[in-house]
Amino acid sequence: MRLLGMVLALGAIMWVLFRASGGSEGDGIIPQEYQKSMEKAEGVEQSLQDAADLQLKKLDENNP
C-alpha cells in the first residue's frame, strides 16, 4: 500500500512538472530557427532537383 502511494505521488509530481513545462504544447526538440533553416534547405534541394530533371529531359530530347 505504501508503494502504491509513492507511485501515485511520483506520478502526480511528474504530471505537475509536465504541465508546468508546457505539456503537449511544445514545438519539439528542434529550436524554431533550426527548423526554419531545414525547411528552407528542403526547398532549395527540391528546386535543384527540379532543375536537374529539366536539364536531363532537355538532353534526352536533343539526343535521340
Protein backbone atom coordinates (compact mmCIF):
# COMPACT_ATOMS: atom_id res chain seq x y z
CA MET A 1 0.00 0.00 0.00
CA ARG A 2 2.85 2.31 0.84
CA LEU A 3 4.47 1.56 -2.52
CA LEU A 4 1.24 2.39 -4.32
CA GLY A 5 1.08 5.74 -2.51
CA MET A 6 4.64 6.54 -3.51
CA VAL A 7 3.97 5.65 -7.16
CA LEU A 8 0.86 7.82 -7.20
CA ALA A 9 2.74 10.72 -5.59
CA LEU A 10 5.56 10.38 -8.12
CA GLY A 11 3.03 10.31 -10.94
CA ALA A 12 1.38 13.47 -9.61
CA ILE A 13 4.73 15.24 -9.36
CA MET A 14 5.65 14.23 -12.90
CA TRP A 15 2.25 15.42 -14.19
CA VAL A 16 2.70 18.82 -12.49
CA LEU A 17 6.19 19.21 -13.96
CA PHE A 18 4.94 18.18 -17.40
CA ARG A 19 2.11 20.72 -17.31
CA ALA A 20 4.44 23.45 -15.97
CA SER A 21 6.88 22.90 -18.83
CA GLY A 22 4.20 23.47 -21.43
CA GLY A 23 2.88 19.95 -21.70
CA SER A 24 1.97 18.88 -25.19
CA GLU A 25 2.08 22.46 -26.46
CA GLY A 26 5.81 22.23 -27.12
CA ASP A 27 7.14 22.64 -30.65
CA GLY A 28 9.53 19.74 -30.32
CA ILE A 29 13.13 19.30 -29.51
CA ILE A 30 14.46 21.23 -32.52
CA PRO A 31 14.63 25.01 -31.99
CA GLN A 32 12.41 27.04 -34.29
CA GLU A 33 15.33 28.77 -36.06
CA TYR A 34 16.89 25.43 -36.99
CA GLN A 35 13.52 24.11 -38.12
CA LYS A 36 13.09 27.11 -40.45
CA SER A 37 16.60 26.59 -41.83
CA MET A 38 15.87 22.93 -42.50
CA GLU A 39 12.62 23.80 -44.30
CA LYS A 40 14.44 26.38 -46.42
CA ALA A 41 17.16 23.85 -47.26
CA GLU A 42 14.50 21.34 -48.31
CA GLY A 43 13.03 23.95 -50.64
CA VAL A 44 16.44 24.64 -52.18
CA GLU A 45 17.09 20.93 -52.56
CA GLN A 46 13.76 20.45 -54.32
CA SER A 47 14.38 23.34 -56.71
CA LEU A 48 17.84 21.95 -57.58
CA GLN A 49 16.31 18.53 -58.19
CA ASP A 50 13.65 20.05 -60.45
CA ALA A 51 16.30 21.95 -62.41
CA ALA A 52 18.42 18.83 -62.81
CA ASP A 53 15.40 16.84 -64.01
CA LEU A 54 14.59 19.56 -66.54
CA GLN A 55 18.16 19.55 -67.85
CA LEU A 56 18.13 15.75 -68.19
CA LYS A 57 14.84 15.90 -70.04
CA LYS A 58 16.24 18.52 -72.46
CA LEU A 59 19.35 16.40 -73.06
CA ASP A 60 17.24 13.32 -73.75
CA GLU A 61 15.10 15.24 -76.24
CA ASN A 62 18.17 16.57 -78.10
CA ASN A 63 19.90 13.17 -78.32
CA PRO A 64 17.55 10.68 -79.98
